[in-house]
Amino acid sequence: MQLLRNRADWCTWAEGLAGISIRHSYNAPPDPACFPCYGYAVLAITEPGYEVEEPRYLYAADVAAMAMTLLGARP
């Protein structure tokens, strides 16, 4: 998981994922809805024998909701 502060951070991070190339528009994933956010990758099997890493994003609201759940607080 990596903190993505802006689009430049996102481009650098996404270029490191398997099967993704932002520069050549190859399997370019969608941008996050907003910055800052946390990015992490999940393994996706698109065809038998072919795997790519797909990005997922955690936003501030998601992190706050997880913290509330872990602390046992109720909204």
N, C-alpha and C. Protein backbone atom coordinates (compact mmCIF):
# COMPACT_ATOMS: atom_id res chain seq x y z
N MET A 1 0.84 -1.16 0.00
CA MET A 1 0.00 0.00 0.00
C MET A 1 0.89 1.23 0.00
N GLN A 2 0.53 2.20 -0.82
CA GLN A 2 1.35 3.40 -0.94
C GLN A 2 0.46 4.64 -0.93
N LEU A 3 0.94 5.67 -0.24
CA LEU A 3 0.24 6.95 -0.23
C LEU A 3 0.46 7.64 -1.57
N LEU A 4 -0.63 7.99 -2.22
CA LEU A 4 -0.57 8.69 -3.50
C LEU A 4 -1.05 10.12 -3.27
N ARG A 5 -0.13 11.07 -3.34
CA ARG A 5 -0.47 12.46 -3.03
C ARG A 5 -0.96 13.24 -4.23
N ASN A 6 -0.58 12.83 -5.43
CA ASN A 6 -0.98 13.55 -6.64
C ASN A 6 -0.89 12.60 -7.83
N ARG A 7 -1.22 13.13 -9.02
CA ARG A 7 -1.24 12.27 -10.20
C ARG A 7 0.16 11.76 -10.57
N ALA A 8 1.19 12.56 -10.32
CA ALA A 8 2.56 12.12 -10.61
C ALA A 8 2.92 10.91 -9.74
N ASP A 9 2.57 10.94 -8.45
CA ASP A 9 2.79 9.78 -7.58
C ASP A 9 2.04 8.57 -8.11
N TRP A 10 0.79 8.82 -8.54
CA TRP A 10 -0.03 7.72 -9.04
C TRP A 10 0.59 7.10 -10.29
N CYS A 11 1.05 7.94 -11.23
CA CYS A 11 1.66 7.43 -12.46
C CYS A 11 2.89 6.57 -12.15
N THR A 12 3.73 7.05 -11.26
CA THR A 12 4.94 6.30 -10.89
C THR A 12 4.57 4.97 -10.26
N TRP A 13 3.59 4.99 -9.35
CA TRP A 13 3.16 3.77 -8.66
C TRP A 13 2.52 2.79 -9.66
N ALA A 14 1.63 3.28 -10.52
CA ALA A 14 0.92 2.41 -11.46
C ALA A 14 1.87 1.79 -12.47
N GLU A 15 2.91 2.51 -12.87
CA GLU A 15 3.89 1.96 -13.82
C GLU A 15 4.62 0.75 -13.24
N GLY A 16 4.68 0.65 -11.92
CA GLY A 16 5.35 -0.48 -11.28
C GLY A 16 4.50 -1.72 -11.17
N LEU A 17 3.21 -1.62 -11.49
CA LEU A 17 2.33 -2.78 -11.41
C LEU A 17 2.53 -3.68 -12.63
N ALA A 18 2.39 -4.97 -12.43
CA ALA A 18 2.58 -5.94 -13.52
C ALA A 18 1.48 -5.79 -14.57
N GLY A 19 1.87 -5.70 -15.82
CA GLY A 19 0.91 -5.67 -16.91
C GLY A 19 0.32 -4.30 -17.19
N ILE A 20 0.87 -3.24 -16.62
CA ILE A 20 0.32 -1.89 -16.79
C ILE A 20 1.42 -0.96 -17.30
N SER A 21 1.07 -0.17 -18.31
CA SER A 21 1.99 0.84 -18.80
C SER A 21 1.20 2.12 -19.09
N ILE A 22 1.40 3.13 -18.26
CA ILE A 22 0.71 4.40 -18.45
C ILE A 22 1.26 5.09 -19.70
N ARG A 23 2.56 5.08 -19.88
CA ARG A 23 3.20 5.79 -21.00
C ARG A 23 2.72 5.29 -22.36
N HIS A 24 2.48 3.99 -22.47
CA HIS A 24 2.07 3.42 -23.75
C HIS A 24 0.57 3.11 -23.79
N SER A 25 -0.16 3.59 -22.79
CA SER A 25 -1.61 3.38 -22.69
C SER A 25 -1.98 1.90 -22.79
N TYR A 26 -1.15 1.05 -22.15
CA TYR A 26 -1.41 -0.38 -22.15
C TYR A 26 -1.99 -0.78 -20.81
N ASN A 27 -3.23 -1.21 -20.82
CA ASN A 27 -3.94 -1.59 -19.59
C ASN A 27 -3.93 -0.46 -18.56
N ALA A 28 -3.99 0.77 -19.00
CA ALA A 28 -3.96 1.91 -18.08
C ALA A 28 -5.20 1.89 -17.21
N PRO A 29 -5.02 1.86 -15.89
CA PRO A 29 -6.15 1.82 -14.98
C PRO A 29 -6.77 3.20 -14.83
N PRO A 30 -7.99 3.27 -14.30
CA PRO A 30 -8.59 4.58 -14.07
C PRO A 30 -7.87 5.32 -12.95
N ASP A 31 -7.83 6.64 -13.06
CA ASP A 31 -7.24 7.47 -12.01
C ASP A 31 -8.09 7.36 -10.75
N PRO A 32 -7.50 7.60 -9.58
CA PRO A 32 -8.31 7.67 -8.37
C PRO A 32 -9.29 8.84 -8.45
N ALA A 33 -10.37 8.75 -7.70
CA ALA A 33 -11.37 9.81 -7.71
C ALA A 33 -10.83 11.11 -7.12
N CYS A 34 -9.95 11.01 -6.13
CA CYS A 34 -9.37 12.21 -5.52
C CYS A 34 -8.04 11.85 -4.88
N PHE A 35 -7.25 12.86 -4.63
CA PHE A 35 -5.97 12.73 -3.94
C PHE A 35 -6.04 13.53 -2.66
N PRO A 36 -5.35 13.18 -1.62
CA PRO A 36 -4.52 11.99 -1.45
C PRO A 36 -5.38 10.75 -1.20
N CYS A 37 -4.81 9.61 -1.51
CA CYS A 37 -5.44 8.33 -1.24
C CYS A 37 -4.34 7.29 -1.12
N TYR A 38 -4.72 6.10 -0.70
CA TYR A 38 -3.78 4.99 -0.64
C TYR A 38 -4.08 4.07 -1.81
N GLY A 39 -3.03 3.58 -2.46
CA GLY A 39 -3.20 2.64 -3.55
C GLY A 39 -2.61 1.30 -3.18
N TYR A 40 -3.30 0.24 -3.58
CA TYR A 40 -2.78 -1.11 -3.42
C TYR A 40 -3.24 -1.93 -4.61
N ALA A 41 -2.62 -3.05 -4.84
CA ALA A 41 -2.91 -3.86 -6.02
C ALA A 41 -3.49 -5.21 -5.63
N VAL A 42 -4.41 -5.68 -6.45
CA VAL A 42 -4.96 -7.02 -6.32
C VAL A 42 -4.64 -7.77 -7.62
N LEU A 43 -4.48 -9.05 -7.53
CA LEU A 43 -4.15 -9.87 -8.70
C LEU A 43 -5.43 -10.25 -9.42
N ALA A 44 -5.48 -9.98 -10.72
CA ALA A 44 -6.64 -10.32 -11.54
C ALA A 44 -6.19 -11.24 -12.66
N ILE A 45 -6.98 -12.27 -12.90
CA ILE A 45 -6.70 -13.20 -13.99
C ILE A 45 -7.66 -12.85 -15.11
N THR A 46 -7.14 -12.24 -16.17
CA THR A 46 -7.98 -11.78 -17.27
C THR A 46 -8.24 -12.90 -18.28
N GLU A 47 -7.27 -13.74 -18.48
CA GLU A 47 -7.38 -14.91 -19.36
C GLU A 47 -6.61 -16.04 -18.69
N PRO A 48 -6.92 -17.28 -19.02
CA PRO A 48 -6.15 -18.36 -18.42
C PRO A 48 -4.65 -18.19 -18.70
N GLY A 49 -3.88 -18.16 -17.63
CA GLY A 49 -2.43 -18.03 -17.76
C GLY A 49 -1.95 -16.60 -17.86
N TYR A 50 -2.84 -15.60 -17.80
CA TYR A 50 -2.44 -14.21 -17.92
C TYR A 50 -2.94 -13.43 -16.72
N GLU A 51 -2.02 -12.91 -15.95
CA GLU A 51 -2.37 -12.19 -14.73
C GLU A 51 -1.91 -10.74 -14.82
N VAL A 52 -2.71 -9.83 -14.28
CA VAL A 52 -2.33 -8.43 -14.16
C VAL A 52 -2.66 -7.98 -12.74
N GLU A 53 -2.00 -6.93 -12.32
CA GLU A 53 -2.33 -6.34 -11.04
C GLU A 53 -3.28 -5.17 -11.28
N GLU A 54 -4.41 -5.20 -10.60
CA GLU A 54 -5.38 -4.12 -10.73
C GLU A 54 -5.30 -3.24 -9.50
N PRO A 55 -5.30 -1.93 -9.70
CA PRO A 55 -5.22 -1.03 -8.55
C PRO A 55 -6.56 -0.90 -7.84
N ARG A 56 -6.47 -0.73 -6.56
CA ARG A 56 -7.62 -0.40 -5.72
C ARG A 56 -7.20 0.79 -4.87
N TYR A 57 -8.17 1.59 -4.47
CA TYR A 57 -7.86 2.82 -3.76
C TYR A 57 -8.63 2.90 -2.45
N LEU A 58 -7.96 3.43 -1.44
CA LEU A 58 -8.57 3.73 -0.15
C LEU A 58 -8.54 5.24 0.03
N TYR A 59 -9.71 5.81 0.23
CA TYR A 59 -9.81 7.26 0.41
C TYR A 59 -9.94 7.58 1.91
N ALA A 60 -9.84 8.84 2.24
CA ALA A 60 -9.89 9.27 3.64
C ALA A 60 -11.16 8.78 4.34
N ALA A 61 -12.29 8.83 3.66
CA ALA A 61 -13.55 8.37 4.26
C ALA A 61 -13.50 6.87 4.55
N ASP A 62 -12.86 6.10 3.67
CA ASP A 62 -12.73 4.65 3.88
C ASP A 62 -11.86 4.36 5.10
N VAL A 63 -10.75 5.08 5.21
CA VAL A 63 -9.84 4.89 6.35
C VAL A 63 -10.54 5.28 7.64
N ALA A 64 -11.29 6.38 7.63
CA ALA A 64 -12.03 6.81 8.83
C ALA A 64 -13.08 5.77 9.23
N ALA A 65 -13.78 5.21 8.26
CA ALA A 65 -14.79 4.19 8.56
C ALA A 65 -14.15 2.93 9.14
N MET A 66 -12.99 2.54 8.60
CA MET A 66 -12.30 1.37 9.15
C MET A 66 -11.82 1.64 10.57
N ALA A 67 -11.33 2.84 10.83
CA ALA A 67 -10.87 3.19 12.18
C ALA A 67 -12.02 3.15 13.16
N MET A 68 -13.17 3.67 12.76
CA MET A 68 -14.35 3.64 13.64
C MET A 68 -14.77 2.20 13.94
N THR A 69 -14.73 1.36 12.92
CA THR A 69 -15.09 -0.05 13.10
C THR A 69 -14.11 -0.75 14.05
N LEU A 70 -12.83 -0.51 13.84
CA LEU A 70 -11.82 -1.15 14.67
C LEU A 70 -11.86 -0.67 16.12
N LEU A 71 -12.21 0.59 16.32
CA LEU A 71 -12.28 1.15 17.67
C LEU A 71 -13.61 0.84 18.34
N GLY A 72 -14.55 0.30 17.57
CA GLY A 72 -15.83 -0.07 18.16
C GLY A 72 -16.77 1.12 18.29
N ALA A 73 -16.45 2.23 17.68
CA ALA A 73 -17.32 3.41 17.73
C ALA A 73 -18.47 3.23 16.77
N ARG A 74 -19.56 3.89 17.11
CA ARG A 74 -20.73 3.84 16.23
C ARG A 74 -20.97 5.21 15.63
N PRO A 75 -21.27 5.24 14.33
CA PRO A 75 -21.48 6.56 13.69
C PRO A 75 -22.72 7.26 14.18
